[in-house]
Amino acid sequence: MRLPYNIATNGVVYYVDEKDREIYRLNADKIGIYKMMISNKFVYTIDCYDFFYEDFGKIVFTNKEEAEAALQAMQEGE
């Protein structure tokens, strides 16, 4: 299975929480992957947060600059 990001980059991803408009730094050294039986989608668990593949590049980023740009775009779209 291919991961949605290169885990070897720095072991960190940034999560933009759409509800509280905050950026969280998550430790991505270890991730869990499981398949949802109903939808057949894979779920990636990073630091106790669950994400779908399509969340990467939308609310989960490998660098803080991309996360800040996404947060700014969310705030401007309100």
Protein backbone atom coordinates (compact mmCIF):
# COMPACT_ATOMS: atom_id res chain seq x y z
CA MET A 1 0.00 0.00 0.00
CA ARG A 2 1.25 3.44 -0.87
CA LEU A 3 1.14 6.19 1.74
CA PRO A 4 -0.29 9.58 0.76
CA TYR A 5 2.93 11.36 1.80
CA ASN A 6 6.60 10.59 2.25
CA ILE A 7 6.89 9.57 5.90
CA ALA A 8 10.67 9.82 5.75
CA THR A 9 10.59 13.61 5.23
CA ASN A 10 10.69 14.57 8.91
CA GLY A 11 8.19 12.41 10.77
CA VAL A 12 5.81 15.37 11.10
CA VAL A 13 2.57 16.39 9.41
CA TYR A 14 0.41 19.44 10.00
CA TYR A 15 -3.34 19.15 10.40
CA VAL A 16 -5.66 22.11 9.78
CA ASP A 17 -8.74 21.69 11.97
CA GLU A 18 -11.65 23.12 10.00
CA LYS A 19 -13.85 23.64 13.06
CA ASP A 20 -11.57 25.60 15.35
CA ARG A 21 -9.34 27.03 12.59
CA GLU A 22 -6.10 25.85 14.21
CA ILE A 23 -3.02 24.08 12.90
CA TYR A 24 -1.79 21.04 14.83
CA ARG A 25 1.64 19.47 14.50
CA LEU A 26 1.32 15.67 14.52
CA ASN A 27 3.99 13.04 15.02
CA ALA A 28 3.86 10.84 11.92
CA ASP A 29 6.71 8.49 12.77
CA LYS A 30 4.16 5.74 13.34
CA ILE A 31 0.81 5.55 11.62
CA GLY A 32 -2.00 3.06 11.71
CA ILE A 33 -3.89 2.03 8.62
CA TYR A 34 -7.18 0.19 8.53
CA LYS A 35 -9.92 -0.38 6.00
CA MET A 36 -13.50 0.65 6.71
CA MET A 37 -15.70 -2.30 5.85
CA ILE A 38 -18.76 -0.31 4.76
CA SER A 39 -17.06 2.14 2.40
CA ASN A 40 -13.88 0.15 1.58
CA LYS A 41 -11.88 3.32 2.26
CA PHE A 42 -8.57 3.27 4.06
CA VAL A 43 -8.19 5.34 7.23
CA TYR A 44 -4.79 6.65 8.31
CA THR A 45 -4.36 7.21 12.05
CA ILE A 46 -1.70 9.74 12.98
CA ASP A 47 -1.29 10.83 16.60
CA CYS A 48 -4.82 9.57 17.40
CA TYR A 49 -6.39 11.54 14.50
CA ASP A 50 -8.05 9.69 11.63
CA PHE A 51 -7.73 10.85 8.01
CA PHE A 52 -8.77 9.62 4.60
CA TYR A 53 -6.40 9.61 1.63
CA GLU A 54 -8.20 12.62 0.13
CA ASP A 55 -7.50 14.69 3.29
CA PHE A 56 -3.82 14.87 2.36
CA GLY A 57 -3.20 18.12 0.53
CA LYS A 58 -6.54 19.48 1.78
CA ILE A 59 -6.28 19.47 5.60
CA VAL A 60 -3.11 17.41 6.18
CA PHE A 61 0.24 18.70 4.94
CA THR A 62 3.91 17.75 5.18
CA ASN A 63 5.03 21.31 5.88
CA LYS A 64 3.73 24.18 7.98
CA GLU A 65 3.73 26.71 5.13
CA GLU A 66 1.19 24.68 3.15
CA ALA A 67 -0.96 24.27 6.27
CA GLU A 68 -0.87 28.03 6.92
CA ALA A 69 -1.87 28.75 3.31
CA ALA A 70 -4.79 26.31 3.58
CA LEU A 71 -5.91 27.89 6.85
CA GLN A 72 -5.77 31.34 5.31
CA ALA A 73 -7.83 30.15 2.31
CA MET A 74 -10.43 28.70 4.73
CA GLN A 75 -10.65 31.98 6.61
CA GLU A 76 -10.99 33.99 3.40
CA GLY A 77 -13.72 31.65 2.16
CA GLU A 78 -15.97 32.33 5.17
